[in-house]
Amino acid sequence: FQYDHEAFLGKDEARSFDQLSPEESRERLGKIVDRIDDNKDGYVTTEELKTWIKRVQKRYIYENVAKVWKDYDLNKDDKISWEEYKQATYGYYL
């Protein structure tokens, strides 16, 4: 359930939905469905849903990379060497 929730809404959006009442959740979900319905015919097709989920996942991936990049780029040169990766990932083991 949680994975589907995050895939459909995005991680941050899914978290905000957890705080809403059922009425508020339905209202916001209705607005999202309107955004998914690209051709505005009142229906969501499989292709429209796939496109939406890909868009949400792509946004999550880019945001996640931006958040963790600084943890791996230890010398702040905008590159991650194998040594930096090992240190950031396994440093406390080495």
N, C-alpha and C. Protein backbone atom coordinates (compact mmCIF):
# COMPACT_ATOMS: atom_id res chain seq x y z
N PHE A 1 0.82 -1.20 0.00
CA PHE A 1 0.00 0.00 0.00
C PHE A 1 0.86 1.26 0.00
N GLN A 2 1.84 1.31 0.90
CA GLN A 2 2.67 2.51 1.01
C GLN A 2 3.48 2.74 -0.26
N TYR A 3 3.99 1.64 -0.86
CA TYR A 3 4.76 1.78 -2.11
C TYR A 3 3.87 2.37 -3.21
N ASP A 4 2.66 1.84 -3.35
CA ASP A 4 1.73 2.35 -4.37
C ASP A 4 1.40 3.81 -4.10
N HIS A 5 1.19 4.13 -2.86
CA HIS A 5 0.87 5.49 -2.44
C HIS A 5 2.00 6.43 -2.87
N GLU A 6 3.24 6.04 -2.60
CA GLU A 6 4.39 6.87 -2.96
C GLU A 6 4.61 6.92 -4.46
N ALA A 7 4.40 5.80 -5.16
CA ALA A 7 4.59 5.77 -6.61
C ALA A 7 3.60 6.71 -7.30
N PHE A 8 2.40 6.76 -6.80
CA PHE A 8 1.36 7.57 -7.41
C PHE A 8 1.50 9.04 -7.06
N LEU A 9 1.85 9.34 -5.83
CA LEU A 9 1.87 10.72 -5.36
C LEU A 9 3.26 11.32 -5.24
N GLY A 10 4.26 10.49 -5.08
CA GLY A 10 5.59 10.97 -4.73
C GLY A 10 5.73 10.89 -3.22
N LYS A 11 6.94 10.71 -2.76
CA LYS A 11 7.17 10.44 -1.34
C LYS A 11 6.67 11.57 -0.44
N ASP A 12 7.03 12.81 -0.76
CA ASP A 12 6.64 13.94 0.09
C ASP A 12 5.13 14.16 0.05
N GLU A 13 4.55 14.07 -1.13
CA GLU A 13 3.10 14.25 -1.27
C GLU A 13 2.36 13.16 -0.52
N ALA A 14 2.85 11.92 -0.59
CA ALA A 14 2.21 10.81 0.12
C ALA A 14 2.24 11.07 1.62
N ARG A 15 3.34 11.59 2.12
CA ARG A 15 3.43 11.90 3.54
C ARG A 15 2.40 12.96 3.94
N SER A 16 2.22 13.96 3.09
CA SER A 16 1.25 15.01 3.42
C SER A 16 -0.17 14.45 3.40
N PHE A 17 -0.46 13.49 2.53
CA PHE A 17 -1.79 12.88 2.49
C PHE A 17 -2.09 12.11 3.77
N ASP A 18 -1.07 11.57 4.39
CA ASP A 18 -1.27 10.82 5.64
C ASP A 18 -1.82 11.70 6.75
N GLN A 19 -1.64 13.00 6.63
CA GLN A 19 -2.08 13.94 7.66
C GLN A 19 -3.50 14.45 7.44
N LEU A 20 -4.10 14.13 6.29
CA LEU A 20 -5.40 14.71 5.91
C LEU A 20 -6.57 13.87 6.39
N SER A 21 -7.69 14.53 6.53
CA SER A 21 -8.94 13.82 6.81
C SER A 21 -9.37 13.13 5.52
N PRO A 22 -10.26 12.16 5.59
CA PRO A 22 -10.74 11.49 4.36
C PRO A 22 -11.35 12.47 3.35
N GLU A 23 -12.06 13.48 3.83
CA GLU A 23 -12.68 14.46 2.93
C GLU A 23 -11.61 15.28 2.21
N GLU A 24 -10.63 15.76 2.96
CA GLU A 24 -9.54 16.54 2.37
C GLU A 24 -8.74 15.69 1.39
N SER A 25 -8.51 14.45 1.76
CA SER A 25 -7.77 13.53 0.91
C SER A 25 -8.49 13.33 -0.42
N ARG A 26 -9.80 13.11 -0.38
CA ARG A 26 -10.59 12.94 -1.61
C ARG A 26 -10.53 14.18 -2.49
N GLU A 27 -10.62 15.35 -1.87
CA GLU A 27 -10.59 16.60 -2.63
C GLU A 27 -9.25 16.77 -3.34
N ARG A 28 -8.17 16.56 -2.59
CA ARG A 28 -6.83 16.72 -3.20
C ARG A 28 -6.56 15.66 -4.25
N LEU A 29 -7.01 14.44 -4.00
CA LEU A 29 -6.84 13.38 -4.99
C LEU A 29 -7.59 13.70 -6.27
N GLY A 30 -8.78 14.28 -6.13
CA GLY A 30 -9.54 14.70 -7.31
C GLY A 30 -8.78 15.71 -8.16
N LYS A 31 -8.10 16.64 -7.50
CA LYS A 31 -7.30 17.63 -8.23
C LYS A 31 -6.13 16.96 -8.94
N ILE A 32 -5.53 15.97 -8.30
CA ILE A 32 -4.41 15.25 -8.93
C ILE A 32 -4.90 14.47 -10.13
N VAL A 33 -6.04 13.82 -9.99
CA VAL A 33 -6.60 13.05 -11.11
C VAL A 33 -6.87 13.97 -12.29
N ASP A 34 -7.34 15.19 -12.02
CA ASP A 34 -7.54 16.16 -13.12
C ASP A 34 -6.23 16.47 -13.82
N ARG A 35 -5.14 16.51 -13.07
CA ARG A 35 -3.82 16.76 -13.68
C ARG A 35 -3.34 15.56 -14.48
N ILE A 36 -3.70 14.36 -14.05
CA ILE A 36 -3.28 13.15 -14.75
C ILE A 36 -4.00 13.02 -16.09
N ASP A 37 -5.25 13.45 -16.13
CA ASP A 37 -6.09 13.34 -17.33
C ASP A 37 -5.64 14.38 -18.36
N ASP A 38 -4.57 14.05 -19.09
CA ASP A 38 -3.96 15.00 -20.04
C ASP A 38 -4.92 15.52 -21.09
N ASN A 39 -5.75 14.65 -21.63
CA ASN A 39 -6.64 15.09 -22.72
C ASN A 39 -7.97 15.65 -22.21
N LYS A 40 -8.14 15.70 -20.90
CA LYS A 40 -9.30 16.30 -20.24
C LYS A 40 -10.63 15.72 -20.71
N ASP A 41 -10.64 14.40 -20.92
CA ASP A 41 -11.88 13.74 -21.35
C ASP A 41 -12.68 13.17 -20.17
N GLY A 42 -12.17 13.38 -18.94
CA GLY A 42 -12.88 12.90 -17.77
C GLY A 42 -12.49 11.49 -17.36
N TYR A 43 -11.57 10.88 -18.08
CA TYR A 43 -11.11 9.53 -17.78
C TYR A 43 -9.60 9.50 -17.72
N VAL A 44 -9.07 8.60 -16.91
CA VAL A 44 -7.62 8.39 -16.86
C VAL A 44 -7.34 7.08 -17.57
N THR A 45 -6.54 7.17 -18.64
CA THR A 45 -6.16 5.97 -19.38
C THR A 45 -4.93 5.34 -18.77
N THR A 46 -4.64 4.12 -19.18
CA THR A 46 -3.43 3.45 -18.71
C THR A 46 -2.20 4.27 -19.08
N GLU A 47 -2.17 4.80 -20.28
CA GLU A 47 -1.01 5.59 -20.72
C GLU A 47 -0.86 6.87 -19.91
N GLU A 48 -1.97 7.54 -19.61
CA GLU A 48 -1.91 8.75 -18.79
C GLU A 48 -1.39 8.42 -17.39
N LEU A 49 -1.83 7.30 -16.84
CA LEU A 49 -1.38 6.90 -15.51
C LEU A 49 0.10 6.54 -15.53
N LYS A 50 0.53 5.80 -16.57
CA LYS A 50 1.95 5.46 -16.68
C LYS A 50 2.80 6.72 -16.79
N THR A 51 2.36 7.66 -17.60
CA THR A 51 3.10 8.92 -17.77
C THR A 51 3.19 9.67 -16.45
N TRP A 52 2.10 9.72 -15.71
CA TRP A 52 2.09 10.39 -14.40
C TRP A 52 3.08 9.74 -13.44
N ILE A 53 3.01 8.41 -13.34
CA ILE A 53 3.89 7.71 -12.40
C ILE A 53 5.35 7.89 -12.78
N LYS A 54 5.65 7.83 -14.07
CA LYS A 54 7.03 8.07 -14.52
C LYS A 54 7.48 9.47 -14.14
N ARG A 55 6.62 10.45 -14.31
CA ARG A 55 6.96 11.84 -13.98
C ARG A 55 7.23 11.98 -12.47
N VAL A 56 6.37 11.39 -11.65
CA VAL A 56 6.54 11.46 -10.20
C VAL A 56 7.83 10.76 -9.78
N GLN A 57 8.09 9.58 -10.34
CA GLN A 57 9.30 8.84 -9.97
C GLN A 57 10.56 9.56 -10.43
N LYS A 58 10.51 10.15 -11.61
CA LYS A 58 11.67 10.89 -12.12
C LYS A 58 11.98 12.07 -11.19
N ARG A 59 10.95 12.78 -10.78
CA ARG A 59 11.14 13.91 -9.87
C ARG A 59 11.75 13.42 -8.56
N TYR A 60 11.25 12.30 -8.04
CA TYR A 60 11.79 11.74 -6.79
C TYR A 60 13.26 11.37 -6.95
N ILE A 61 13.62 10.76 -8.06
CA ILE A 61 15.00 10.35 -8.29
C ILE A 61 15.92 11.57 -8.32
N TYR A 62 15.53 12.61 -9.05
CA TYR A 62 16.36 13.81 -9.13
C TYR A 62 16.50 14.49 -7.77
N GLU A 63 15.41 14.55 -7.03
CA GLU A 63 15.47 15.16 -5.70
C GLU A 63 16.35 14.34 -4.77
N ASN A 64 16.24 13.02 -4.86
CA ASN A 64 17.03 12.15 -4.00
C ASN A 64 18.53 12.27 -4.31
N VAL A 65 18.87 12.33 -5.58
CA VAL A 65 20.27 12.49 -5.96
C VAL A 65 20.81 13.80 -5.42
N ALA A 66 20.05 14.85 -5.55
CA ALA A 66 20.49 16.15 -5.05
C ALA A 66 20.72 16.12 -3.54
N LYS A 67 19.86 15.41 -2.83
CA LYS A 67 19.97 15.35 -1.36
C LYS A 67 21.21 14.57 -0.92
N VAL A 68 21.51 13.45 -1.58
CA VAL A 68 22.61 12.62 -1.10
C VAL A 68 23.95 12.95 -1.76
N TRP A 69 23.93 13.72 -2.84
CA TRP A 69 25.17 14.03 -3.55
C TRP A 69 26.21 14.61 -2.61
N LYS A 70 25.79 15.54 -1.78
CA LYS A 70 26.76 16.19 -0.89
C LYS A 70 27.38 15.22 0.11
N ASP A 71 26.66 14.15 0.44
CA ASP A 71 27.21 13.15 1.36
C ASP A 71 28.30 12.30 0.71
N TYR A 72 28.26 12.16 -0.60
CA TYR A 72 29.23 11.33 -1.31
C TYR A 72 30.38 12.15 -1.89
N ASP A 73 30.10 13.38 -2.28
CA ASP A 73 31.15 14.25 -2.84
C ASP A 73 31.90 14.90 -1.69
N LEU A 74 32.76 14.12 -1.06
CA LEU A 74 33.40 14.56 0.18
C LEU A 74 34.32 15.76 -0.01
N ASN A 75 34.99 15.85 -1.16
CA ASN A 75 35.90 16.99 -1.37
C ASN A 75 35.23 18.13 -2.13
N LYS A 76 33.94 18.02 -2.38
CA LYS A 76 33.11 19.09 -2.98
C LYS A 76 33.63 19.57 -4.34
N ASP A 77 34.07 18.60 -5.17
CA ASP A 77 34.53 18.97 -6.51
C ASP A 77 33.50 18.63 -7.59
N ASP A 78 32.27 18.33 -7.20
CA ASP A 78 31.18 17.97 -8.10
C ASP A 78 31.44 16.67 -8.87
N LYS A 79 32.30 15.83 -8.31
CA LYS A 79 32.56 14.50 -8.85
C LYS A 79 32.63 13.54 -7.67
N ILE A 80 32.22 12.30 -7.92
CA ILE A 80 32.32 11.30 -6.87
C ILE A 80 33.28 10.22 -7.34
N SER A 81 34.41 10.13 -6.65
CA SER A 81 35.39 9.10 -6.99
C SER A 81 35.00 7.81 -6.30
N TRP A 82 35.62 6.73 -6.73
CA TRP A 82 35.38 5.43 -6.09
C TRP A 82 35.78 5.49 -4.62
N GLU A 83 36.87 6.17 -4.32
CA GLU A 83 37.32 6.30 -2.93
C GLU A 83 36.29 7.07 -2.09
N GLU A 84 35.74 8.16 -2.64
CA GLU A 84 34.72 8.90 -1.91
C GLU A 84 33.47 8.05 -1.68
N TYR A 85 33.09 7.32 -2.72
CA TYR A 85 31.91 6.46 -2.59
C TYR A 85 32.12 5.41 -1.50
N LYS A 86 33.29 4.74 -1.54
CA LYS A 86 33.57 3.73 -0.51
C LYS A 86 33.57 4.34 0.88
N GLN A 87 34.18 5.50 1.00
CA GLN A 87 34.27 6.16 2.31
C GLN A 87 32.88 6.54 2.81
N ALA A 88 32.07 7.13 1.93
CA ALA A 88 30.72 7.55 2.34
C ALA A 88 29.82 6.36 2.62
N THR A 89 29.99 5.27 1.88
CA THR A 89 29.13 4.11 2.04
C THR A 89 29.60 3.17 3.12
N TYR A 90 30.90 2.89 3.13
CA TYR A 90 31.44 1.87 4.04
C TYR A 90 32.45 2.41 5.03
N GLY A 91 32.62 3.72 5.10
CA GLY A 91 33.68 4.34 5.89
C GLY A 91 33.80 3.84 7.31
N TYR A 92 32.68 3.64 7.96
CA TYR A 92 32.77 3.21 9.35
C TYR A 92 33.17 1.74 9.47
N TYR A 93 33.13 0.99 8.35
CA TYR A 93 33.58 -0.41 8.35
C TYR A 93 35.06 -0.51 8.04
N LEU A 94 35.57 0.45 7.26
CA LEU A 94 36.96 0.34 6.77
C LEU A 94 37.97 0.73 7.82
